Amino acid sequence: VEENGDWSLFCPNEAPGLSEAYGEKFDELYAKYEAEGRARKTIKAQDLWFKILEAQIETGTPYMLFKDHANEKSNQKNLGTIKSSNLCTEIMEYTSPDEVAVCNLASIALPRFVNAGQFDHQTLFDVTYQITLNLNKIIDLNFYPIPEARKSNLRHRPIGLGVQGLADTFIKLRMPFASEEAKKLNKEIFETIYFAALSASRDLAKTQGPYETFKGSPASEGIFQFDMWGVTPSKRWDWNALKEEVKQYGIRNSLLLAPMPTASTSQILGNNECIEPYTSNIYNRRVLSGEFAVVNKHLMNDLIELGIWNDSLKNKIIAQNGSVQNIDEIPTHIKELYKTVWEISQKDLIDMAAERGAFIDQSQSLNLFLQAPNFGKMTSMHFYAWKAGLKTGMYYLRTQAAAQAIQFTVDKKSATTGAVETGGAGMEMISEQNRADMVCSLENKDECISCGS
């Protein structure tokens, strides 16, 4: 794509093994079949890339996953090539004609581990350890609709631990989402979860034996997820001792972490979704029984403590589409703490995804958010995520509406600051300009202003 070279399209039956290959083996086989003239069609790589971006800007999809990263950094690489994911793009498991991958999920409510202004890693370890034991039991007790699913689950025994309320945790600790202290805690949380899950799975293996296909896996050689990322963990936990015991006893589960969206389950405990910042500080939620307003409870409590919460301020926040950045009476430190995802650099979100990714042995549902996406921003964003080593580069692209709904319920007199016009979510109408944005981003990767999106 960067060189605008040719990209050849093959029929799978006429290019055997190509869909099974990745990395250097794919490159070699692709070049071989191309030289032999097996390609059905050849197009310019940038033309194909342009069509992908066009669809994403218009619909939010297709999802962006990176096959090389998914396979090179998988504890199931000894089984074969992973060629697909699930709907939410966090599950990276091997599937074959006689095995249908299954994953057993649970999410951890992170705000529950904030105590007296500190994050309690030991309690997080204890809870994660117990959840791992419980999910492992579910594998044996579950109902399987088809024998291929049962076979896969019992042989490889994968589980998927995720989180909810990461944004709430940062707020309770008074950390702006993209601050250095939040980035550090983000990494530490997932290191703790990974260590606890591995510890529990190792202990299960001591009594029940390792999962059937453990031999030949990276873990059987003492290679953990962060090793495959080239990352050195902190000294909070004794990783060296754990590696030796895993090599000796094995682990009961081939995969352990897979942060999922938690779009529904997070509502039960009143947490923000999964690993995401707040999309708005006031919004409407529609359910079967009707529609109701949801207010960021942390923000409201802070404004009440400051003595400035009233109907007028509420109307100003609604008029600002849930943002507090342009409301004069709200202090600066509160504005920093309550930035919405539209006001946070997507580069920071990708960086944080990569930093915790070193401790996630499956993948993560990573939505990206652009108020006014264009082809330059999208190209920069995808290439940055790819070079950061992510397995899932993008789940959905979230954009804002080109026109804001008329706010009939807002008292216009009390919302004197008015609503700031938000950028349109549609593409520029001129195709040549779209392509120019894309090419500019490819040719000026380091300087491109889009990298700050």
Protein backbone atom coordinates (compact mmCIF):
# COMPACT_ATOMS: atom_id res chain seq x y z
CA VAL A 1 0.00 0.00 0.00
CA GLU A 2 2.79 2.43 0.91
CA GLU A 3 4.46 1.85 -2.47
CA ASN A 4 1.16 1.63 -4.39
CA GLY A 5 2.26 -1.69 -5.82
CA ASP A 6 0.07 -4.33 -7.45
CA TRP A 7 -2.03 -6.69 -5.35
CA SER A 8 -3.05 -10.02 -6.84
CA LEU A 9 -6.31 -11.81 -6.08
CA PHE A 10 -6.31 -15.62 -6.14
CA CYS A 11 -8.93 -18.34 -6.13
CA PRO A 12 -8.25 -20.47 -3.00
CA ASN A 13 -8.53 -23.68 -5.03
CA GLU A 14 -5.88 -22.44 -7.47
CA ALA A 15 -3.52 -21.18 -4.75
CA PRO A 16 -3.39 -24.06 -2.24
CA GLY A 17 -1.92 -23.26 1.16
CA LEU A 18 -2.06 -19.49 0.74
CA SER A 19 -4.92 -19.05 3.21
CA GLU A 20 -3.04 -21.20 5.74
CA ALA A 21 0.17 -19.19 5.51
CA TYR A 22 1.21 -16.00 7.28
CA GLY A 23 4.36 -13.94 7.70
CA GLU A 24 7.35 -14.82 5.52
CA LYS A 25 5.76 -18.09 4.36
CA PHE A 26 2.80 -16.15 2.99
CA ASP A 27 5.11 -13.71 1.21
CA GLU A 28 7.06 -16.56 -0.40
CA LEU A 29 3.97 -18.49 -1.50
CA TYR A 30 2.22 -15.34 -2.73
CA ALA A 31 5.26 -14.37 -4.84
CA LYS A 32 5.52 -17.93 -6.20
CA TYR A 33 1.87 -18.10 -7.29
CA GLU A 34 2.05 -14.59 -8.73
CA ALA A 35 5.12 -15.53 -10.78
CA GLU A 36 3.31 -18.64 -12.03
CA GLY A 37 0.45 -16.49 -13.29
CA ARG A 38 -2.20 -17.99 -11.02
CA ALA A 39 -3.75 -14.64 -10.09
CA ARG A 40 -7.35 -14.16 -11.25
CA LYS A 41 -7.12 -10.37 -11.01
CA THR A 42 -4.51 -7.73 -10.21
CA ILE A 43 -5.35 -4.30 -8.82
CA LYS A 44 -3.42 -1.41 -7.34
CA ALA A 45 -3.01 -1.86 -3.58
CA GLN A 46 -4.05 1.73 -2.91
CA ASP A 47 -7.27 1.20 -4.90
CA LEU A 48 -8.19 -1.71 -2.64
CA TRP A 49 -7.16 0.24 0.45
CA PHE A 50 -9.29 3.18 -0.70
CA LYS A 51 -12.35 0.92 -0.98
CA ILE A 52 -11.80 -0.45 2.53
CA LEU A 53 -11.57 3.06 3.99
CA GLU A 54 -14.60 4.17 2.00
CA ALA A 55 -16.69 1.35 3.49
CA GLN A 56 -15.44 2.03 7.01
CA ILE A 57 -16.26 5.74 6.85
CA GLU A 58 -19.72 5.03 5.45
CA THR A 59 -20.68 2.06 7.66
CA GLY A 60 -18.14 1.70 10.50
CA THR A 61 -16.97 -1.63 9.08
CA PRO A 62 -15.22 -3.84 7.94
CA TYR A 63 -13.33 -4.62 11.11
CA MET A 64 -9.55 -4.46 10.84
CA LEU A 65 -7.60 -7.50 12.07
CA PHE A 66 -3.97 -8.37 11.41
CA LYS A 67 -3.43 -12.05 10.58
CA ASP A 68 0.35 -12.03 11.04
CA HIS A 69 0.16 -10.56 14.55
CA ALA A 70 -2.73 -12.85 15.54
CA ASN A 71 -0.72 -15.94 14.63
CA GLU A 72 2.80 -14.90 15.51
CA LYS A 73 1.71 -13.99 19.05
CA SER A 74 -0.64 -16.89 19.76
CA ASN A 75 -0.25 -19.67 22.29
CA GLN A 76 -2.19 -21.85 19.83
CA LYS A 77 0.34 -21.45 17.02
CA ASN A 78 1.27 -25.13 17.38
CA LEU A 79 -2.26 -26.12 16.28
CA GLY A 80 -2.39 -24.38 12.92
CA THR A 81 -3.28 -21.04 11.38
CA ILE A 82 -5.92 -18.82 12.96
CA LYS A 83 -7.99 -17.45 10.07
CA SER A 84 -11.02 -15.89 11.73
CA SER A 85 -12.32 -14.20 14.83
CA ASN A 86 -15.73 -13.74 16.43
CA LEU A 87 -18.25 -10.94 15.97
CA CYS A 88 -16.54 -8.71 18.54
CA THR A 89 -12.99 -9.39 17.26
CA GLU A 90 -11.47 -10.28 20.64
CA ILE A 91 -11.41 -14.07 20.19
CA MET A 92 -8.38 -15.48 18.37
CA GLU A 93 -8.72 -19.26 18.32
CA TYR A 94 -7.86 -22.08 15.96
CA THR A 95 -10.71 -23.59 13.96
CA SER A 96 -10.59 -26.54 11.55
CA PRO A 97 -13.16 -28.63 9.62
CA ASP A 98 -13.61 -30.94 12.63
CA GLU A 99 -13.28 -28.29 15.36
CA VAL A 100 -15.36 -25.16 15.93
CA ALA A 101 -13.69 -22.79 18.37
CA VAL A 102 -15.60 -21.84 21.51
CA CYS A 103 -14.71 -19.34 24.19
CA ASN A 104 -15.95 -19.01 27.75
CA LEU A 105 -16.08 -15.39 28.88
CA ALA A 106 -16.31 -13.32 32.05
CA SER A 107 -15.66 -9.65 32.74
CA ILE A 108 -14.12 -8.15 35.88
CA ALA A 109 -15.55 -4.93 37.35
CA LEU A 110 -12.39 -2.89 37.86
CA PRO A 111 -13.89 -0.03 39.94
CA ARG A 112 -14.48 -2.53 42.77
CA PHE A 113 -10.72 -2.69 43.32
CA VAL A 114 -10.28 1.01 44.10
CA ASN A 115 -9.87 1.39 47.85
CA ALA A 116 -8.92 4.58 49.70
CA GLY A 117 -7.47 6.15 46.58
CA GLN A 118 -5.36 3.11 45.68
CA PHE A 119 -5.81 0.25 43.25
CA ASP A 120 -5.77 -3.12 45.04
CA HIS A 121 -3.75 -5.48 42.83
CA GLN A 122 -3.74 -8.31 45.37
CA THR A 123 -7.54 -8.46 45.51
CA LEU A 124 -7.64 -8.30 41.70
CA PHE A 125 -5.27 -11.27 41.67
CA ASP A 126 -7.50 -13.22 44.08
CA VAL A 127 -10.71 -12.51 42.14
CA THR A 128 -9.10 -13.30 38.77
CA TYR A 129 -7.73 -16.55 40.18
CA GLN A 130 -11.21 -17.64 41.29
CA ILE A 131 -12.87 -16.61 38.02
CA THR A 132 -10.32 -18.69 36.11
CA LEU A 133 -11.24 -21.74 38.19
CA ASN A 134 -14.94 -21.10 37.58
CA LEU A 135 -14.61 -20.66 33.82
CA ASN A 136 -12.58 -23.84 33.63
CA LYS A 137 -15.47 -25.71 35.30
CA ILE A 138 -17.92 -24.26 32.79
CA ILE A 139 -15.96 -25.93 29.98
CA ASP A 140 -16.80 -29.35 31.45
CA LEU A 141 -20.39 -28.56 32.46
CA ASN A 142 -21.49 -26.62 29.39
CA PHE A 143 -24.02 -27.66 26.75
CA TYR A 144 -22.57 -27.89 23.25
CA PRO A 145 -24.94 -27.63 20.27
CA ILE A 146 -22.57 -29.48 17.91
CA PRO A 147 -19.87 -32.12 18.55
CA GLU A 148 -17.21 -30.04 16.76
CA ALA A 149 -17.61 -27.30 19.38
CA ARG A 150 -17.38 -29.77 22.24
CA LYS A 151 -14.26 -31.35 20.78
CA SER A 152 -12.51 -28.00 20.39
CA ASN A 153 -13.40 -26.73 23.85
CA LEU A 154 -12.38 -29.90 25.67
CA ARG A 155 -9.10 -30.25 23.78
CA HIS A 156 -7.82 -26.69 24.07
CA ARG A 157 -9.90 -25.35 27.00
CA PRO A 158 -9.65 -21.61 26.18
CA ILE A 159 -11.21 -18.96 28.38
CA GLY A 160 -11.55 -15.21 27.90
CA LEU A 161 -11.21 -12.80 30.80
CA GLY A 162 -12.17 -9.20 30.16
CA VAL A 163 -12.86 -6.04 32.11
CA GLN A 164 -15.48 -3.35 32.49
CA GLY A 165 -15.25 0.11 34.00
CA LEU A 166 -11.66 1.01 33.15
CA ALA A 167 -12.73 4.63 32.64
CA ASP A 168 -14.59 4.61 35.97
CA THR A 169 -11.47 3.30 37.68
CA PHE A 170 -9.36 6.14 36.32
CA ILE A 171 -11.96 8.69 37.42
CA LYS A 172 -12.16 7.26 40.94
CA LEU A 173 -8.38 7.55 41.15
CA ARG A 174 -8.51 11.11 39.69
CA MET A 175 -6.50 10.13 36.64
CA PRO A 176 -7.39 11.67 33.24
CA PHE A 177 -7.84 8.80 30.77
CA ALA A 178 -4.76 9.48 28.63
CA SER A 179 -2.51 10.67 31.47
CA GLU A 180 0.82 8.97 32.15
CA GLU A 181 -0.42 7.57 35.49
CA ALA A 182 -3.50 6.10 33.78
CA LYS A 183 -1.35 4.53 31.07
CA LYS A 184 0.87 2.97 33.74
CA LEU A 185 -2.09 1.58 35.68
CA ASN A 186 -3.67 0.27 32.46
CA LYS A 187 -0.60 -1.87 31.86
CA GLU A 188 -0.31 -2.96 35.49
CA ILE A 189 -3.96 -4.08 35.67
CA PHE A 190 -3.62 -6.42 32.71
CA GLU A 191 -0.28 -7.73 33.92
CA THR A 192 -1.96 -8.68 37.21
CA ILE A 193 -4.91 -10.35 35.47
CA TYR A 194 -2.60 -12.32 33.15
CA PHE A 195 -0.37 -13.44 36.03
CA ALA A 196 -3.35 -14.51 38.15
CA ALA A 197 -5.01 -16.41 35.30
CA LEU A 198 -1.78 -18.23 34.45
CA SER A 199 -1.24 -19.04 38.13
CA ALA A 200 -4.72 -20.55 38.47
CA SER A 201 -4.38 -22.48 35.22
CA ARG A 202 -1.01 -23.83 36.35
CA ASP A 203 -2.52 -25.00 39.66
CA LEU A 204 -5.35 -26.71 37.78
CA ALA A 205 -2.77 -28.48 35.62
CA LYS A 206 -1.04 -29.77 38.74
CA THR A 207 -4.15 -31.74 39.72
CA GLN A 208 -5.98 -32.28 36.41
CA GLY A 209 -3.15 -32.23 33.91
CA PRO A 210 -2.44 -29.70 31.14
CA TYR A 211 -4.86 -29.21 28.26
CA GLU A 212 -4.54 -31.88 25.57
CA THR A 213 -2.57 -29.85 23.01
CA PHE A 214 -0.23 -28.10 25.47
CA LYS A 215 2.89 -29.84 24.16
CA GLY A 216 4.61 -27.74 21.51
CA SER A 217 2.84 -24.53 22.48
CA PRO A 218 4.87 -21.40 23.33
CA ALA A 219 3.82 -21.76 26.99
CA SER A 220 5.28 -25.29 27.09
CA GLU A 221 8.64 -23.69 26.30
CA GLY A 222 8.23 -20.97 28.93
CA ILE A 223 7.26 -18.33 26.35
CA PHE A 224 4.48 -16.05 27.56
CA GLN A 225 2.52 -13.40 25.67
CA PHE A 226 4.78 -10.49 26.65
CA ASP A 227 7.80 -12.43 25.37
CA MET A 228 6.18 -12.57 21.93
CA TRP A 229 5.76 -8.78 22.08
CA GLY A 230 9.36 -8.22 23.21
CA VAL A 231 8.14 -6.60 26.44
CA THR A 232 9.71 -6.95 29.89
CA PRO A 233 7.10 -7.19 32.69
CA SER A 234 7.34 -5.31 35.96
CA LYS A 235 8.76 -6.85 39.12
CA ARG A 236 5.40 -6.86 40.91
CA TRP A 237 4.99 -10.60 40.30
CA ASP A 238 7.50 -13.47 40.14
CA TRP A 239 7.33 -14.29 36.44
CA ASN A 240 10.50 -16.41 36.38
CA ALA A 241 9.20 -18.83 39.00
CA LEU A 242 5.85 -19.07 37.19
CA LYS A 243 7.56 -19.85 33.89
CA GLU A 244 9.51 -22.72 35.43
CA GLU A 245 6.38 -24.21 36.98
CA VAL A 246 4.43 -23.87 33.73
CA LYS A 247 7.19 -25.72 31.90
CA GLN A 248 7.06 -28.42 34.59
CA TYR A 249 3.31 -28.82 35.15
CA GLY A 250 1.73 -27.10 32.16
CA ILE A 251 -1.45 -25.02 32.17
CA ARG A 252 -5.04 -26.19 31.99
CA ASN A 253 -6.20 -23.56 29.49
CA SER A 254 -4.59 -22.66 26.17
CA LEU A 255 -5.84 -19.05 26.22
CA LEU A 256 -6.85 -16.80 29.09
CA LEU A 257 -7.53 -13.11 28.31
CA ALA A 258 -9.90 -11.59 25.74
CA PRO A 259 -11.33 -8.17 26.72
CA MET A 260 -14.82 -8.07 25.21
CA PRO A 261 -17.18 -5.09 24.64
CA THR A 262 -19.38 -5.64 27.76
CA ALA A 263 -22.01 -3.40 26.13
CA SER A 264 -24.83 -5.10 28.07
CA THR A 265 -23.17 -6.62 31.14
CA SER A 266 -21.52 -3.36 32.20
CA GLN A 267 -25.00 -1.87 32.69
CA ILE A 268 -25.72 -4.34 35.49
CA LEU A 269 -23.09 -2.81 37.78
CA GLY A 270 -23.39 0.70 36.37
CA ASN A 271 -19.93 0.73 34.82
CA ASN A 272 -18.71 2.25 31.59
CA GLU A 273 -18.05 -0.26 28.83
CA CYS A 274 -14.91 -2.40 28.81
CA ILE A 275 -11.67 -0.50 28.08
CA GLU A 276 -13.29 2.60 26.55
CA PRO A 277 -13.45 6.22 27.70
CA TYR A 278 -16.90 7.73 28.18
CA THR A 279 -18.51 8.64 24.85
CA SER A 280 -20.62 11.34 26.53
CA ASN A 281 -21.31 12.64 30.02
CA ILE A 282 -25.08 12.77 29.37
CA TYR A 283 -26.86 10.58 26.84
CA ASN A 284 -30.11 8.73 26.22
CA ARG A 285 -30.27 4.95 26.45
CA ARG A 286 -33.03 3.10 24.61
CA VAL A 287 -34.28 -0.23 25.95
CA LEU A 288 -37.42 -2.28 25.30
CA SER A 289 -39.29 -0.52 28.08
CA GLY A 290 -38.51 2.96 26.78
CA GLU A 291 -35.87 5.67 26.76
CA PHE A 292 -34.12 7.26 29.72
CA ALA A 293 -31.32 9.74 30.33
CA VAL A 294 -27.98 8.52 31.65
CA VAL A 295 -25.70 10.96 33.44
CA ASN A 296 -22.05 10.29 34.27
CA LYS A 297 -22.53 9.68 37.99
CA HIS A 298 -18.94 10.62 38.84
CA LEU A 299 -19.24 13.98 37.11
CA MET A 300 -22.55 14.76 38.76
CA ASN A 301 -21.13 13.92 42.21
CA ASP A 302 -18.10 16.15 41.58
CA LEU A 303 -20.26 19.05 40.43
CA ILE A 304 -22.56 18.63 43.44
CA GLU A 305 -19.53 18.71 45.76
CA LEU A 306 -18.37 21.90 44.05
CA GLY A 307 -21.84 23.36 44.61
CA ILE A 308 -22.41 24.18 40.94
CA TRP A 309 -24.77 21.39 39.81
CA ASN A 310 -28.18 22.76 38.81
CA ASP A 311 -30.66 22.64 35.95
CA SER A 312 -28.86 25.42 34.09
CA LEU A 313 -25.55 23.54 34.13
CA LYS A 314 -27.28 20.32 33.15
CA ASN A 315 -28.81 22.06 30.14
CA LYS A 316 -25.43 23.46 29.13
CA ILE A 317 -23.90 19.97 29.17
CA ILE A 318 -26.80 18.63 27.10
CA ALA A 319 -26.42 21.53 24.67
CA GLN A 320 -22.72 20.65 24.37
CA ASN A 321 -23.68 17.06 23.48
CA GLY A 322 -22.33 15.70 26.75
CA SER A 323 -19.03 17.61 26.72
CA VAL A 324 -17.85 19.87 29.57
CA GLN A 325 -14.85 21.39 27.78
CA ASN A 326 -16.48 24.69 26.79
CA ILE A 327 -18.42 25.43 29.97
CA ASP A 328 -16.75 28.28 31.86
CA GLU A 329 -17.93 27.51 35.38
CA ILE A 330 -16.46 24.00 35.36
CA PRO A 331 -12.86 23.98 36.71
CA THR A 332 -9.97 22.91 34.47
CA HIS A 333 -9.07 19.80 36.50
CA ILE A 334 -12.66 18.55 36.16
CA LYS A 335 -12.57 19.17 32.41
CA GLU A 336 -9.39 17.10 32.12
CA LEU A 337 -10.90 14.24 34.11
CA TYR A 338 -14.12 14.14 32.10
CA LYS A 339 -12.92 14.37 28.52
CA THR A 340 -15.07 12.23 26.27
CA VAL A 341 -13.61 9.80 23.77
CA TRP A 342 -14.12 12.43 21.05
CA GLU A 343 -11.74 14.73 22.93
CA ILE A 344 -8.98 12.15 23.48
CA SER A 345 -6.31 11.40 20.88
CA GLN A 346 -6.95 8.06 19.19
CA LYS A 347 -3.18 7.65 19.12
CA ASP A 348 -3.34 7.45 22.92
CA LEU A 349 -6.09 4.81 22.75
CA ILE A 350 -4.00 2.72 20.36
CA ASP A 351 -0.90 3.13 22.53
CA MET A 352 -2.83 1.96 25.59
CA ALA A 353 -4.22 -1.01 23.64
CA ALA A 354 -0.71 -2.02 22.62
CA GLU A 355 0.66 -1.61 26.15
CA ARG A 356 -1.96 -3.91 27.67
CA GLY A 357 -1.80 -6.15 24.58
CA ALA A 358 1.48 -7.61 25.81
CA PHE A 359 -0.57 -9.32 28.54
CA ILE A 360 -3.58 -10.33 26.41
CA ASP A 361 -3.09 -13.73 24.79
CA GLN A 362 -6.20 -13.50 22.60
CA SER A 363 -7.16 -9.99 21.44
CA GLN A 364 -9.35 -7.05 22.48
CA SER A 365 -12.46 -5.33 21.15
CA LEU A 366 -10.99 -1.96 20.25
CA ASN A 367 -13.41 0.63 18.91
CA LEU A 368 -11.93 3.81 17.46
CA PHE A 369 -13.65 7.19 17.42
CA LEU A 370 -13.36 10.03 14.92
CA GLN A 371 -15.75 12.99 14.80
CA ALA A 372 -15.00 13.70 11.15
CA PRO A 373 -13.10 10.81 9.58
CA ASN A 374 -11.23 11.30 6.33
CA PHE A 375 -8.98 9.06 4.30
CA GLY A 376 -5.77 10.59 5.64
CA LYS A 377 -6.74 10.15 9.29
CA MET A 378 -7.97 6.61 8.70
CA THR A 379 -4.80 5.58 6.87
CA SER A 380 -2.58 7.00 9.60
CA MET A 381 -4.65 5.34 12.29
CA HIS A 382 -4.61 1.87 10.73
CA PHE A 383 -0.91 1.92 9.93
CA TYR A 384 -0.13 3.13 13.45
CA ALA A 385 -2.17 0.28 14.98
CA TRP A 386 -0.50 -2.27 12.69
CA LYS A 387 3.00 -1.05 13.53
CA ALA A 388 2.11 -1.02 17.24
CA GLY A 389 1.63 -4.80 16.97
CA LEU A 390 -2.10 -4.99 17.62
CA LYS A 391 -3.99 -8.13 16.60
CA THR A 392 -7.27 -6.22 16.32
CA GLY A 393 -6.58 -2.85 14.78
CA MET A 394 -10.19 -1.70 14.87
CA TYR A 395 -13.54 -3.21 15.85
CA TYR A 396 -16.05 -0.49 14.87
CA LEU A 397 -15.24 2.97 13.63
CA ARG A 398 -17.51 5.23 15.66
CA THR A 399 -18.40 8.61 14.20
CA GLN A 400 -20.75 11.43 15.14
CA ALA A 401 -23.85 12.39 13.18
CA ALA A 402 -23.38 14.93 10.42
CA ALA A 403 -26.30 16.93 11.85
CA GLN A 404 -27.21 17.14 15.52
CA ALA A 405 -30.78 16.48 16.61
CA ILE A 406 -32.79 19.52 17.66
CA GLN A 407 -32.80 19.61 21.46
CA PHE A 408 -36.43 20.47 22.16
CA THR A 409 -36.13 19.71 25.88
CA VAL A 410 -33.23 22.08 26.52
CA ASP A 411 -33.96 25.50 27.98
CA LYS A 412 -32.15 27.68 25.44
CA LYS A 413 -31.89 30.63 27.81
CA SER A 414 -30.13 28.56 30.48
CA ALA A 415 -27.79 26.96 27.95
CA THR A 416 -26.21 30.23 26.87
CA THR A 417 -22.91 28.71 25.87
CA GLY A 418 -24.67 26.98 23.01
CA ALA A 419 -23.69 23.79 21.30
CA VAL A 420 -20.43 23.56 19.45
CA GLU A 421 -20.90 22.39 15.89
CA THR A 422 -19.41 18.95 15.48
CA GLY A 423 -17.71 17.78 12.35
CA GLY A 424 -19.60 15.72 9.85
CA ALA A 425 -19.12 11.97 9.83
CA GLY A 426 -19.39 11.66 6.06
CA MET A 427 -16.63 11.70 3.49
CA GLU A 428 -15.63 14.74 1.53
CA MET A 429 -17.54 14.72 -1.71
CA ILE A 430 -14.55 15.02 -3.96
CA SER A 431 -12.95 11.63 -4.56
CA GLU A 432 -9.65 13.13 -5.68
CA GLN A 433 -9.27 14.95 -2.37
CA ASN A 434 -9.98 11.74 -0.45
CA ARG A 435 -7.26 9.94 -2.36
CA ALA A 436 -4.88 12.86 -1.88
CA ASP A 437 -5.44 12.70 1.88
CA MET A 438 -4.67 8.99 1.86
CA VAL A 439 -1.51 9.34 -0.23
CA CYS A 440 -0.30 12.29 1.86
CA SER A 441 -0.65 10.19 4.98
CA LEU A 442 1.31 7.31 3.43
CA GLU A 443 4.11 9.53 2.17
CA ASN A 444 4.47 11.65 5.32
CA LYS A 445 3.99 9.09 8.07
CA ASP A 446 6.09 10.82 10.72
CA GLU A 447 4.95 14.36 10.03
CA CYS A 448 1.31 13.65 9.21
CA ILE A 449 -0.96 15.71 11.41
CA SER A 450 -3.50 12.88 11.27
CA CYS A 451 -1.33 10.87 13.64
CA GLY A 452 -2.54 13.15 16.41
CA SER A 453 -6.18 12.24 15.78
